[in-house]
C-alpha atoms as a PDB file:
ATOM      1  CA  UNK A   1      13.991  11.550 -21.840  1.00  0.00           C
ATOM      2  CA  UNK A   2      13.515   7.937 -22.657  1.00  0.00           C
ATOM      3  CA  UNK A   3       9.998   6.526 -22.303  1.00  0.00           C
ATOM      4  CA  UNK A   4       8.217   3.194 -23.283  1.00  0.00           C
ATOM      5  CA  UNK A   5       5.424   3.674 -25.797  1.00  0.00           C
ATOM      6  CA  UNK A   6       2.703   1.404 -26.925  1.00  0.00           C
ATOM      7  CA  UNK A   7       2.350   2.487 -30.567  1.00  0.00           C
ATOM      8  CA  UNK A   8      -0.675  -0.029 -31.042  1.00  0.00           C
ATOM      9  CA  UNK A   9      -2.553  -2.454 -29.041  1.00  0.00           C
ATOM     10  CA  UNK A  10      -0.975  -5.908 -29.095  1.00  0.00           C
ATOM     11  CA  UNK A  11       1.497  -8.248 -27.306  1.00  0.00           C
ATOM     12  CA  UNK A  12       4.652  -7.315 -25.345  1.00  0.00           C
ATOM     13  CA  UNK A  13       6.519  -6.662 -28.531  1.00  0.00           C
ATOM     14  CA  UNK A  14       4.422  -3.420 -28.892  1.00  0.00           C
ATOM     15  CA  UNK A  15       6.412  -1.993 -25.966  1.00  0.00           C
ATOM     16  CA  UNK A  16       9.117   0.224 -27.573  1.00  0.00           C
ATOM     17  CA  UNK A  17      11.603   2.598 -26.149  1.00  0.00           C
ATOM     18  CA  UNK A  18      11.479   6.096 -27.723  1.00  0.00           C
ATOM     19  CA  UNK A  19      12.657   9.641 -26.933  1.00  0.00           C
ATOM     20  CA  UNK A  20      10.303  12.339 -25.798  1.00  0.00           C
ATOM     21  CA  UNK A  21      10.733  15.821 -24.288  1.00  0.00           C
ATOM     22  CA  UNK A  22      10.973  15.905 -20.524  1.00  0.00           C
ATOM     23  CA  UNK A  23       7.706  17.495 -19.260  1.00  0.00           C
ATOM     24  CA  UNK A  24       7.439  20.666 -17.141  1.00  0.00           C
ATOM     25  CA  UNK A  25       5.336  20.568 -14.055  1.00  0.00           C
ATOM     26  CA  UNK A  26       2.464  22.859 -14.148  1.00  0.00           C
ATOM     27  CA  UNK A  27       0.691  24.529 -11.194  1.00  0.00           C
ATOM     28  CA  UNK A  28       0.191  22.030  -8.371  1.00  0.00           C
ATOM     29  CA  UNK A  29       2.437  19.539  -9.940  1.00  0.00           C
ATOM     30  CA  UNK A  30       5.876  18.082  -9.310  1.00  0.00           C
ATOM     31  CA  UNK A  31       8.308  16.351 -11.732  1.00  0.00           C
ATOM     32  CA  UNK A  32       9.638  12.899 -10.467  1.00  0.00           C
ATOM     33  CA  UNK A  33      12.795  11.463 -11.522  1.00  0.00           C
ATOM     34  CA  UNK A  34      11.621   7.896 -11.866  1.00  0.00           C
ATOM     35  CA  UNK A  35      13.685   5.373 -10.025  1.00  0.00           C
ATOM     36  CA  UNK A  36      10.957   2.800  -9.952  1.00  0.00           C
ATOM     37  CA  UNK A  37       7.925   2.324 -12.255  1.00  0.00           C
ATOM     38  CA  UNK A  38       5.548  -0.108 -10.938  1.00  0.00           C
ATOM     39  CA  UNK A  39       4.013  -2.692 -13.252  1.00  0.00           C
ATOM     40  CA  UNK A  40       0.465  -3.853 -12.716  1.00  0.00           C
ATOM     41  CA  UNK A  41      -1.965  -6.196 -14.510  1.00  0.00           C
ATOM     42  CA  UNK A  42      -3.864  -3.091 -15.656  1.00  0.00           C
ATOM     43  CA  UNK A  43      -0.827  -2.288 -17.741  1.00  0.00           C
ATOM     44  CA  UNK A  44      -0.960  -5.543 -19.575  1.00  0.00           C
ATOM     45  CA  UNK A  45      -4.762  -5.200 -20.195  1.00  0.00           C
ATOM     46  CA  UNK A  46      -4.150  -1.609 -21.528  1.00  0.00           C
ATOM     47  CA  UNK A  47      -1.477  -2.845 -23.706  1.00  0.00           C
ATOM     48  CA  UNK A  48      -3.965  -5.391 -25.359  1.00  0.00           C
ATOM     49  CA  UNK A  49      -6.593  -2.727 -25.727  1.00  0.00           C
ATOM     50  CA  UNK A  50      -8.903  -4.280 -22.879  1.00  0.00           C
ATOM     51  CA  UNK A  51      -8.679  -1.474 -20.196  1.00  0.00           C
ATOM     52  CA  UNK A  52     -11.435   1.066 -20.549  1.00  0.00           C
ATOM     53  CA  UNK A  53      -9.490   3.984 -18.920  1.00  0.00           C
ATOM     54  CA  UNK A  54      -7.004   3.751 -21.818  1.00  0.00           C
ATOM     55  CA  UNK A  55      -9.170   3.793 -24.888  1.00  0.00           C
ATOM     56  CA  UNK A  56      -6.621   4.365 -27.605  1.00  0.00           C
ATOM     57  CA  UNK A  57      -2.934   4.041 -28.593  1.00  0.00           C
ATOM     58  CA  UNK A  58      -0.348   5.364 -28.824  1.00  0.00           C
ATOM     59  CA  UNK A  59       0.302   5.857 -25.135  1.00  0.00           C
ATOM     60  CA  UNK A  60       2.914   5.719 -22.476  1.00  0.00           C
ATOM     61  CA  UNK A  61       1.855   2.924 -19.794  1.00  0.00           C
ATOM     62  CA  UNK A  62       2.468   2.955 -16.028  1.00  0.00           C
ATOM     63  CA  UNK A  63       0.457   4.181 -13.192  1.00  0.00           C
ATOM     64  CA  UNK A  64       3.059   4.288 -10.437  1.00  0.00           C
ATOM     65  CA  UNK A  65       6.267   6.047 -10.157  1.00  0.00           C
ATOM     66  CA  UNK A  66       8.576   6.612  -7.343  1.00  0.00           C
ATOM     67  CA  UNK A  67      11.938   8.647  -7.035  1.00  0.00           C
ATOM     68  CA  UNK A  68      13.205  12.007  -5.940  1.00  0.00           C
ATOM     69  CA  UNK A  69      11.438  15.277  -6.865  1.00  0.00           C
ATOM     70  CA  UNK A  70      13.185  16.876  -9.831  1.00  0.00           C
ATOM     71  CA  UNK A  71      11.152  20.076 -10.069  1.00  0.00           C
ATOM     72  CA  UNK A  72       8.112  21.755  -8.520  1.00  0.00           C
ATOM     73  CA  UNK A  73       5.336  23.608 -10.272  1.00  0.00           C
ATOM     74  CA  UNK A  74       3.872  26.869  -9.234  1.00  0.00           C
ATOM     75  CA  UNK A  75       2.070  26.886  -5.929  1.00  0.00           C
ATOM     76  CA  UNK A  76       3.712  23.750  -4.530  1.00  0.00           C
ATOM     77  CA  UNK A  77       4.978  24.320  -0.998  1.00  0.00           C
ATOM     78  CA  UNK A  78       4.860  20.879   0.427  1.00  0.00           C
ATOM     79  CA  UNK A  79       7.593  19.499  -1.717  1.00  0.00           C
ATOM     80  CA  UNK A  80      11.125  20.483  -2.531  1.00  0.00           C
ATOM     81  CA  UNK A  81      13.659  19.212  -5.123  1.00  0.00           C
ATOM     82  CA  UNK A  82      15.296  15.984  -3.796  1.00  0.00           C
ATOM     83  CA  UNK A  83      12.370  14.876  -1.637  1.00  0.00           C
ATOM     84  CA  UNK A  84      11.742  11.146  -1.866  1.00  0.00           C
ATOM     85  CA  UNK A  85       8.231  10.461  -3.222  1.00  0.00           C
ATOM     86  CA  UNK A  86       5.858   7.993  -4.655  1.00  0.00           C
ATOM     87  CA  UNK A  87       2.681   8.800  -6.714  1.00  0.00           C
ATOM     88  CA  UNK A  88      -0.028   7.475  -8.983  1.00  0.00           C
ATOM     89  CA  UNK A  89       0.762   8.994 -12.405  1.00  0.00           C
ATOM     90  CA  UNK A  90      -0.059   8.643 -16.047  1.00  0.00           C
ATOM     91  CA  UNK A  91       2.924   7.389 -18.053  1.00  0.00           C
ATOM     92  CA  UNK A  92       5.117   5.951 -15.556  1.00  0.00           C
ATOM     93  CA  UNK A  93       7.306   3.872 -17.737  1.00  0.00           C
ATOM     94  CA  UNK A  94       9.618   6.749 -18.337  1.00  0.00           C
ATOM     95  CA  UNK A  95      12.789   8.511 -16.894  1.00  0.00           C
ATOM     96  CA  UNK A  96      10.459  11.381 -15.584  1.00  0.00           C
ATOM     97  CA  UNK A  97       6.777  11.538 -14.752  1.00  0.00           C
ATOM     98  CA  UNK A  98       4.434  14.293 -13.646  1.00  0.00           C
ATOM     99  CA  UNK A  99       2.319  13.902 -10.489  1.00  0.00           C
ATOM    100  CA  UNK A 100      -0.218  15.798  -8.610  1.00  0.00           C
ATOM    101  CA  UNK A 101       1.622  17.323  -5.605  1.00  0.00           C
ATOM    102  CA  UNK A 102      -1.482  17.257  -3.280  1.00  0.00           C
ATOM    103  CA  UNK A 103      -1.901  13.377  -3.617  1.00  0.00           C
ATOM    104  CA  UNK A 104       1.782  12.346  -3.678  1.00  0.00           C
ATOM    105  CA  UNK A 105       3.218  10.498  -0.578  1.00  0.00           C
ATOM    106  CA  UNK A 106       6.565  10.788   1.037  1.00  0.00           C
ATOM    107  CA  UNK A 107       8.837   7.721   1.007  1.00  0.00           C
ATOM    108  CA  UNK A 108      10.763   7.132   4.184  1.00  0.00           C
ATOM    109  CA  UNK A 109      14.575   6.497   3.894  1.00  0.00           C
ATOM    110  CA  UNK A 110      14.044   3.028   5.126  1.00  0.00           C
ATOM    111  CA  UNK A 111      11.749   2.177   2.363  1.00  0.00           C
ATOM    112  CA  UNK A 112      13.094   1.564  -1.211  1.00  0.00           C
ATOM    113  CA  UNK A 113      11.507   3.103  -4.311  1.00  0.00           C
ATOM    114  CA  UNK A 114      10.561  -0.256  -5.792  1.00  0.00           C
ATOM    115  CA  UNK A 115       8.975  -1.196  -2.512  1.00  0.00           C
ATOM    116  CA  UNK A 116       7.045   1.911  -2.181  1.00  0.00           C
ATOM    117  CA  UNK A 117       5.336   1.310  -5.677  1.00  0.00           C
ATOM    118  CA  UNK A 118       3.994  -1.766  -4.338  1.00  0.00           C
ATOM    119  CA  UNK A 119       1.892   0.172  -1.813  1.00  0.00           C
ATOM    120  CA  UNK A 120      -0.026   2.077  -4.433  1.00  0.00           C
ATOM    121  CA  UNK A 121      -2.330   0.195  -6.715  1.00  0.00           C
ATOM    122  CA  UNK A 122      -1.545  -3.288  -5.372  1.00  0.00           C
ATOM    123  CA  UNK A 123      -1.334  -2.385  -1.693  1.00  0.00           C
ATOM    124  CA  UNK A 124      -4.212  -0.108  -1.814  1.00  0.00           C
ATOM    125  CA  UNK A 125      -6.284  -2.904  -3.509  1.00  0.00           C
ATOM    126  CA  UNK A 126      -5.316  -5.425  -0.972  1.00  0.00           C
ATOM    127  CA  UNK A 127      -6.100  -3.167   1.920  1.00  0.00           C
ATOM    128  CA  UNK A 128      -9.536  -1.623   0.585  1.00  0.00           C
ATOM    129  CA  UNK A 129     -10.695  -5.107  -0.459  1.00  0.00           C
ATOM    130  CA  UNK A 130     -10.757  -6.068   3.154  1.00  0.00           C
ATOM    131  CA  UNK A 131     -11.933  -2.662   4.687  1.00  0.00           C
ATOM    132  CA  UNK A 132     -14.489  -1.557   1.995  1.00  0.00           C
ATOM    133  CA  UNK A 133     -15.532  -4.390  -0.293  1.00  0.00           C
ATOM    134  CA  UNK A 134     -16.494  -6.847   2.423  1.00  0.00           C
ATOM    135  CA  UNK A 135     -18.184  -6.591   6.008  1.00  0.00           C
ATOM    136  CA  UNK A 136     -15.964  -6.996   9.019  1.00  0.00           C
ATOM    137  CA  UNK A 137     -12.902  -9.199   8.368  1.00  0.00           C
ATOM    138  CA  UNK A 138     -11.942  -9.765  11.977  1.00  0.00           C
ATOM    139  CA  UNK A 139     -12.225 -13.351  12.926  1.00  0.00           C
ATOM    140  CA  UNK A 140     -13.249 -14.364   9.434  1.00  0.00           C
ATOM    141  CA  UNK A 141     -11.617 -17.047   7.253  1.00  0.00           C
ATOM    142  CA  UNK A 142     -10.186 -15.546   4.028  1.00  0.00           C
ATOM    143  CA  UNK A 143      -9.092 -17.284   0.836  1.00  0.00           C
ATOM    144  CA  UNK A 144      -6.588 -15.270  -1.421  1.00  0.00           C
ATOM    145  CA  UNK A 145      -5.947 -16.092  -5.017  1.00  0.00           C
ATOM    146  CA  UNK A 146      -2.493 -15.457  -6.661  1.00  0.00           C
ATOM    147  CA  UNK A 147      -1.238 -15.223  -3.067  1.00  0.00           C
ATOM    148  CA  UNK A 148       2.405 -14.931  -4.147  1.00  0.00           C
ATOM    149  CA  UNK A 149       1.586 -11.946  -6.529  1.00  0.00           C
ATOM    150  CA  UNK A 150       1.642  -8.252  -6.113  1.00  0.00           C
ATOM    151  CA  UNK A 151      -1.702  -7.948  -4.491  1.00  0.00           C
ATOM    152  CA  UNK A 152      -1.853 -11.423  -3.039  1.00  0.00           C
ATOM    153  CA  UNK A 153       1.421 -11.170  -0.956  1.00  0.00           C
ATOM    154  CA  UNK A 154       0.325  -8.040   0.651  1.00  0.00           C
ATOM    155  CA  UNK A 155      -3.196  -9.316   1.095  1.00  0.00           C
ATOM    156  CA  UNK A 156      -2.122 -12.384   3.032  1.00  0.00           C
ATOM    157  CA  UNK A 157      -0.300 -10.180   5.439  1.00  0.00           C
ATOM    158  CA  UNK A 158      -2.909  -7.429   5.723  1.00  0.00           C
ATOM    159  CA  UNK A 159      -5.690 -10.011   6.446  1.00  0.00           C
ATOM    160  CA  UNK A 160      -3.611 -11.204   9.512  1.00  0.00           C
ATOM    161  CA  UNK A 161      -2.835  -7.506  10.619  1.00  0.00           C
ATOM    162  CA  UNK A 162      -6.530  -6.733  10.374  1.00  0.00           C
ATOM    163  CA  UNK A 163      -7.383  -9.673  12.636  1.00  0.00           C
ATOM    164  CA  UNK A 164      -8.480 -12.279  10.084  1.00  0.00           C
ATOM    165  CA  UNK A 165      -8.893 -15.916  11.220  1.00  0.00           C
ATOM    166  CA  UNK A 166      -7.717 -18.740   9.004  1.00  0.00           C
ATOM    167  CA  UNK A 167      -5.964 -17.326   5.847  1.00  0.00           C
ATOM    168  CA  UNK A 168      -5.664 -19.636   2.987  1.00  0.00           C
ATOM    169  CA  UNK A 169      -3.520 -18.645  -0.034  1.00  0.00           C
ATOM    170  CA  UNK A 170      -3.687 -20.183  -3.687  1.00  0.00           C
ATOM    171  CA  UNK A 171      -0.361 -20.440  -5.629  1.00  0.00           C
ATOM    172  CA  UNK A 172       0.845 -22.493  -8.441  1.00  0.00           C
ATOM    173  CA  UNK A 173       4.324 -23.803  -7.414  1.00  0.00           C
ATOM    174  CA  UNK A 174       5.856 -25.285  -4.401  1.00  0.00           C
ATOM    175  CA  UNK A 175       8.306 -22.309  -4.171  1.00  0.00           C
ATOM    176  CA  UNK A 176       5.461 -19.834  -4.248  1.00  0.00           C
ATOM    177  CA  UNK A 177       3.440 -21.773  -1.775  1.00  0.00           C
ATOM    178  CA  UNK A 178       6.424 -21.773   0.607  1.00  0.00           C
ATOM    179  CA  UNK A 179       6.572 -17.970   0.228  1.00  0.00           C
ATOM    180  CA  UNK A 180       2.895 -17.540   0.986  1.00  0.00           C
ATOM    181  CA  UNK A 181       3.248 -19.589   4.233  1.00  0.00           C
ATOM    182  CA  UNK A 182       6.343 -17.561   5.168  1.00  0.00           C
ATOM    183  CA  UNK A 183       4.148 -14.329   4.757  1.00  0.00           C
ATOM    184  CA  UNK A 184       1.725 -15.620   7.236  1.00  0.00           C
ATOM    185  CA  UNK A 185      -0.927 -17.726   5.461  1.00  0.00           C
ATOM    186  CA  UNK A 186      -2.237 -20.734   7.681  1.00  0.00           C
ATOM    187  CA  UNK A 187      -2.511 -22.907   4.495  1.00  0.00           C
ATOM    188  CA  UNK A 188      -1.205 -22.650   0.843  1.00  0.00           C
ATOM    189  CA  UNK A 189      -2.926 -24.762  -1.876  1.00  0.00           C
ATOM    190  CA  UNK A 190      -2.155 -25.431  -5.414  1.00  0.00           C
ATOM    191  CA  UNK A 191      -5.050 -24.019  -7.458  1.00  0.00           C
ATOM    192  CA  UNK A 192      -3.828 -25.923 -10.551  1.00  0.00           C
ATOM    193  CA  UNK A 193      -5.177 -29.123  -9.049  1.00  0.00           C
ATOM    194  CA  UNK A 194      -8.809 -29.861  -9.816  1.00  0.00           C
ATOM    195  CA  UNK A 195      -9.647 -30.636  -6.271  1.00  0.00           C
ATOM    196  CA  UNK A 196      -8.338 -27.167  -4.999  1.00  0.00           C
ATOM    197  CA  UNK A 197     -11.822 -26.067  -3.793  1.00  0.00           C
ATOM    198  CA  UNK A 198     -12.345 -29.287  -1.706  1.00  0.00           C
ATOM    199  CA  UNK A 199      -8.902 -28.846  -0.120  1.00  0.00           C
ATOM    200  CA  UNK A 200      -9.797 -25.287   0.820  1.00  0.00           C
ATOM    201  CA  UNK A 201     -12.941 -26.684   2.650  1.00  0.00           C
ATOM    202  CA  UNK A 202     -10.716 -29.183   4.234  1.00  0.00           C
ATOM    203  CA  UNK A 203      -8.379 -26.403   5.523  1.00  0.00           C
ATOM    204  CA  UNK A 204     -11.459 -24.752   7.174  1.00  0.00           C
ATOM    205  CA  UNK A 205     -12.899 -27.772   8.781  1.00  0.00           C
ATOM    206  CA  UNK A 206     -15.354 -28.585   5.981  1.00  0.00           C
ATOM    207  CA  UNK A 207     -17.029 -25.132   6.432  1.00  0.00           C
ATOM    208  CA  UNK A 208     -15.557 -23.232   3.600  1.00  0.00           C
ATOM    209  CA  UNK A 209     -14.280 -19.609   3.705  1.00  0.00           C
ATOM    210  CA  UNK A 210     -16.095 -16.482   4.637  1.00  0.00           C
ATOM    211  CA  UNK A 211     -14.416 -14.296   2.059  1.00  0.00           C
ATOM    212  CA  UNK A 212     -12.667 -15.159  -1.315  1.00  0.00           C
ATOM    213  CA  UNK A 213     -10.678 -12.375  -2.913  1.00  0.00           C
ATOM    214  CA  UNK A 214     -10.253 -13.486  -6.413  1.00  0.00           C
ATOM    215  CA  UNK A 215      -7.978 -11.926  -8.986  1.00  0.00           C
ATOM    216  CA  UNK A 216      -9.034 -13.907 -11.954  1.00  0.00           C
ATOM    217  CA  UNK A 217     -12.801 -14.304 -11.906  1.00  0.00           C
ATOM    218  CA  UNK A 218     -12.510 -17.855 -12.963  1.00  0.00           C
ATOM    219  CA  UNK A 219     -16.251 -18.676 -13.300  1.00  0.00           C
ATOM    220  CA  UNK A 220     -15.559 -22.010 -15.097  1.00  0.00           C
ATOM    221  CA  UNK A 221     -13.941 -23.518 -12.019  1.00  0.00           C
ATOM    222  CA  UNK A 222     -16.650 -22.013  -9.745  1.00  0.00           C
ATOM    223  CA  UNK A 223     -15.350 -19.551  -7.208  1.00  0.00           C
ATOM    224  CA  UNK A 224     -18.568 -20.287  -5.029  1.00  0.00           C
ATOM    225  CA  UNK A 225     -17.265 -23.872  -4.385  1.00  0.00           C
ATOM    226  CA  UNK A 226     -14.882 -22.958  -1.565  1.00  0.00           C
ATOM    227  CA  UNK A 227     -17.475 -20.493   0.032  1.00  0.00           C
ATOM    228  CA  UNK A 228     -19.169 -21.078   3.450  1.00  0.00           C
ATOM    229  CA  UNK A 229     -22.772 -20.331   3.864  1.00  0.00           C
ATOM    230  CA  UNK A 230     -23.159 -16.625   3.742  1.00  0.00           C
ATOM    231  CA  UNK A 231     -19.760 -16.121   2.155  1.00  0.00           C
ATOM    232  CA  UNK A 232     -18.554 -13.418  -0.049  1.00  0.00           C
ATOM    233  CA  UNK A 233     -16.712 -13.952  -3.375  1.00  0.00           C
ATOM    234  CA  UNK A 234     -15.057 -10.642  -4.450  1.00  0.00           C
ATOM    235  CA  UNK A 235     -13.660 -10.515  -7.934  1.00  0.00           C
ATOM    236  CA  UNK A 236     -11.195  -7.660  -8.505  1.00  0.00           C
ATOM    237  CA  UNK A 237      -9.583  -8.969 -11.760  1.00  0.00           C
ATOM    238  CA  UNK A 238     -10.668 -10.877 -14.790  1.00  0.00           C
ATOM    239  CA  UNK A 239      -9.279 -13.084 -17.436  1.00  0.00           C
ATOM    240  CA  UNK A 240     -10.693 -13.902 -20.928  1.00  0.00           C
ATOM    241  CA  UNK A 241     -12.448 -17.053 -19.529  1.00  0.00           C
ATOM    242  CA  UNK A 242     -14.219 -14.785 -17.087  1.00  0.00           C
ATOM    243  CA  UNK A 243     -16.911 -14.138 -19.691  1.00  0.00           C
ATOM    244  CA  UNK A 244     -18.184 -17.574 -19.244  1.00  0.00           C
ATOM    245  CA  UNK A 245     -21.480 -17.698 -17.282  1.00  0.00           C
ATOM    246  CA  UNK A 246     -21.901 -19.401 -13.941  1.00  0.00           C
ATOM    247  CA  UNK A 247     -23.354 -22.946 -14.221  1.00  0.00           C
ATOM    248  CA  UNK A 248     -27.046 -23.116 -13.267  1.00  0.00           C
ATOM    249  CA  UNK A 249     -26.248 -25.350 -10.118  1.00  0.00           C
ATOM    250  CA  UNK A 250     -23.898 -22.693  -8.968  1.00  0.00           C
ATOM    251  CA  UNK A 251     -26.502 -19.999  -9.013  1.00  0.00           C
ATOM    252  CA  UNK A 252     -28.980 -22.215  -7.146  1.00  0.00           C
ATOM    253  CA  UNK A 253     -26.397 -23.023  -4.467  1.00  0.00           C
ATOM    254  CA  UNK A 254     -25.607 -19.252  -4.267  1.00  0.00           C
ATOM    255  CA  UNK A 255     -29.280 -18.692  -3.515  1.00  0.00           C
ATOM    256  CA  UNK A 256     -29.815 -21.243  -0.859  1.00  0.00           C
ATOM    257  CA  UNK A 257     -26.402 -20.713   0.903  1.00  0.00           C
ATOM    258  CA  UNK A 258     -26.980 -16.877   1.005  1.00  0.00           C
ATOM    259  CA  UNK A 259     -23.636 -16.126  -0.737  1.00  0.00           C
ATOM    260  CA  UNK A 260     -22.540 -13.016  -2.350  1.00  0.00           C
ATOM    261  CA  UNK A 261     -20.786 -12.320  -5.719  1.00  0.00           C
ATOM    262  CA  UNK A 262     -19.595  -8.861  -6.357  1.00  0.00           C
ATOM    263  CA  UNK A 263     -16.879  -7.021  -8.447  1.00  0.00           C
ATOM    264  CA  UNK A 264     -14.531  -4.579  -6.952  1.00  0.00           C
ATOM    265  CA  UNK A 265     -12.134  -1.797  -8.293  1.00  0.00           C
ATOM    266  CA  UNK A 266      -9.914   0.649  -6.571  1.00  0.00           C
ATOM    267  CA  UNK A 267     -11.794   3.378  -8.289  1.00  0.00           C
ATOM    268  CA  UNK A 268     -14.423   2.905  -5.556  1.00  0.00           C
ATOM    269  CA  UNK A 269     -12.218   3.960  -2.714  1.00  0.00           C
ATOM    270  CA  UNK A 270     -12.279   7.788  -1.996  1.00  0.00           C
ATOM    271  CA  UNK A 271      -9.194   9.825  -1.705  1.00  0.00           C
ATOM    272  CA  UNK A 272      -9.610  10.145   2.041  1.00  0.00           C
ATOM    273  CA  UNK A 273      -9.699   6.210   2.312  1.00  0.00           C
ATOM    274  CA  UNK A 274      -6.770   5.608   0.085  1.00  0.00           C
ATOM    275  CA  UNK A 275      -4.635   8.295   1.992  1.00  0.00           C
ATOM    276  CA  UNK A 276      -5.382   6.693   5.321  1.00  0.00           C
ATOM    277  CA  UNK A 277      -4.750   3.138   3.883  1.00  0.00           C
ATOM    278  CA  UNK A 278      -1.445   4.219   2.409  1.00  0.00           C
ATOM    279  CA  UNK A 279      -0.222   5.901   5.600  1.00  0.00           C
ATOM    280  CA  UNK A 280      -1.237   2.737   7.647  1.00  0.00           C
ATOM    281  CA  UNK A 281       0.718   0.462   5.122  1.00  0.00           C
ATOM    282  CA  UNK A 282       3.813   2.664   5.156  1.00  0.00           C
ATOM    283  CA  UNK A 283       3.795   2.632   9.118  1.00  0.00           C
ATOM    284  CA  UNK A 284       3.385  -1.078   9.152  1.00  0.00           C
ATOM    285  CA  UNK A 285       6.334  -1.445   6.745  1.00  0.00           C
ATOM    286  CA  UNK A 286       8.564   0.813   8.849  1.00  0.00           C
ATOM    287  CA  UNK A 287       7.594  -0.997  11.847  1.00  0.00           C
ATOM    288  CA  UNK A 288       8.573  -4.265  10.310  1.00  0.00           C
ATOM    289  CA  UNK A 289       4.961  -5.670  10.319  1.00  0.00           C
ATOM    290  CA  UNK A 290       4.481  -5.648   6.673  1.00  0.00           C
ATOM    291  CA  UNK A 291       7.137  -7.275   4.118  1.00  0.00           C
ATOM    292  CA  UNK A 292       7.097  -6.111   0.493  1.00  0.00           C
ATOM    293  CA  UNK A 293       8.472  -8.432  -1.999  1.00  0.00           C
ATOM    294  CA  UNK A 294       9.955  -6.437  -4.913  1.00  0.00           C
ATOM    295  CA  UNK A 295      12.826  -8.648  -6.254  1.00  0.00           C
ATOM    296  CA  UNK A 296      11.802  -8.752 -10.067  1.00  0.00           C
ATOM    297  CA  UNK A 297      13.305  -5.646 -11.553  1.00  0.00           C
ATOM    298  CA  UNK A 298      13.929  -4.934 -15.180  1.00  0.00           C
ATOM    299  CA  UNK A 299      15.773  -2.073 -17.131  1.00  0.00           C
ATOM    300  CA  UNK A 300      13.315   0.370 -18.771  1.00  0.00           C
ATOM    301  CA  UNK A 301      14.307  -1.138 -22.096  1.00  0.00           C
ATOM    302  CA  UNK A 302      13.119  -4.597 -21.031  1.00  0.00           C
ATOM    303  CA  UNK A 303       9.617  -3.513 -20.426  1.00  0.00           C
ATOM    304  CA  UNK A 304       8.428  -6.285 -22.945  1.00  0.00           C
ATOM    305  CA  UNK A 305      10.377  -9.007 -21.116  1.00  0.00           C
ATOM    306  CA  UNK A 306       8.842  -7.824 -17.789  1.00  0.00           C
ATOM    307  CA  UNK A 307       5.244  -8.270 -19.309  1.00  0.00           C
ATOM    308  CA  UNK A 308       6.360 -11.657 -20.695  1.00  0.00           C
ATOM    309  CA  UNK A 309       7.531 -12.791 -17.213  1.00  0.00           C
ATOM    310  CA  UNK A 310       4.140 -11.689 -15.686  1.00  0.00           C
ATOM    311  CA  UNK A 311       2.227 -13.402 -18.364  1.00  0.00           C
ATOM    312  CA  UNK A 312       4.537 -16.596 -17.723  1.00  0.00           C
ATOM    313  CA  UNK A 313       3.867 -16.483 -14.053  1.00  0.00           C
ATOM    314  CA  UNK A 314       7.573 -16.297 -13.494  1.00  0.00           C
ATOM    315  CA  UNK A 315       7.375 -13.419 -10.939  1.00  0.00           C
ATOM    316  CA  UNK A 316       6.632 -13.096  -7.299  1.00  0.00           C
ATOM    317  CA  UNK A 317       5.423  -9.977  -5.601  1.00  0.00           C
ATOM    318  CA  UNK A 318       5.920  -6.571  -7.141  1.00  0.00           C
ATOM    319  CA  UNK A 319       7.477  -6.168 -10.614  1.00  0.00           C
ATOM    320  CA  UNK A 320       9.182  -2.771 -11.580  1.00  0.00           C
ATOM    321  CA  UNK A 321      11.061  -1.195 -14.171  1.00  0.00           C
ATOM    322  CA  UNK A 322      14.061   0.847 -13.115  1.00  0.00           C
ATOM    323  CA  UNK A 323      14.926   3.669 -15.592  1.00  0.00           C
END
């Protein structure tokens, strides 16, 4: 089978297509014929050597795969060949991938494979950020960074579905901001402008937001600035600039305004929580309440181009490879 391998840590050019034997499912496993392999920012970090769960190269990237079941391993009774499925995997950038049968989810006929991958890491992150990482979200104002991206585009909608009050999305281009508004955000603001935090406060009547879901951890621009008193800044992603410390005045403001800064990763969520969240999102999608954007699709051999497009912020919503 064809797979994408990272022979050494580095840039998108390190993603090379190679031939490997098709794996056989062991006990409790299924083999998925990959029709869509989800791409996440974690894949880019792993390629660069900055993702702790992937400590060394070579490796096959990809944590999500969707497609029909090709084979079932010993003891598997809940899946049969041909069933539509989506799963968390190791090495999803491939024509076939192994998955744990017990944690694999069915994909309804009405849901495309590319769209299904969006509900795993990105969808579960968006959902659990608002149900596990912060106090009650109902009635609260929420600010979402990268609101046209994979996590952000789902978070905007999920915030509204969970009963949030004012939802503000940050996006860099007019086209993306229009999409964010279309998805249900009350306001869409250009975060490339220096006064973006002030504009967020204006959108909330001068109060600031109760919850800021931040994909970049941009300490230089100060994620505390758009927060209301008692607000929560939740960082679930980081960039190189995130290693800079917070300015002293920000820390003092955090103390006197009773604000909270915390990090979050999907690894915190229990299997029971993620299973319930995934079922809820699939139900919302089937009911037409949750829209999944998965228009950026690349052939397997163009994995490097897909990573370049993400780096260049030329993508919207979920990005997938189609082997």
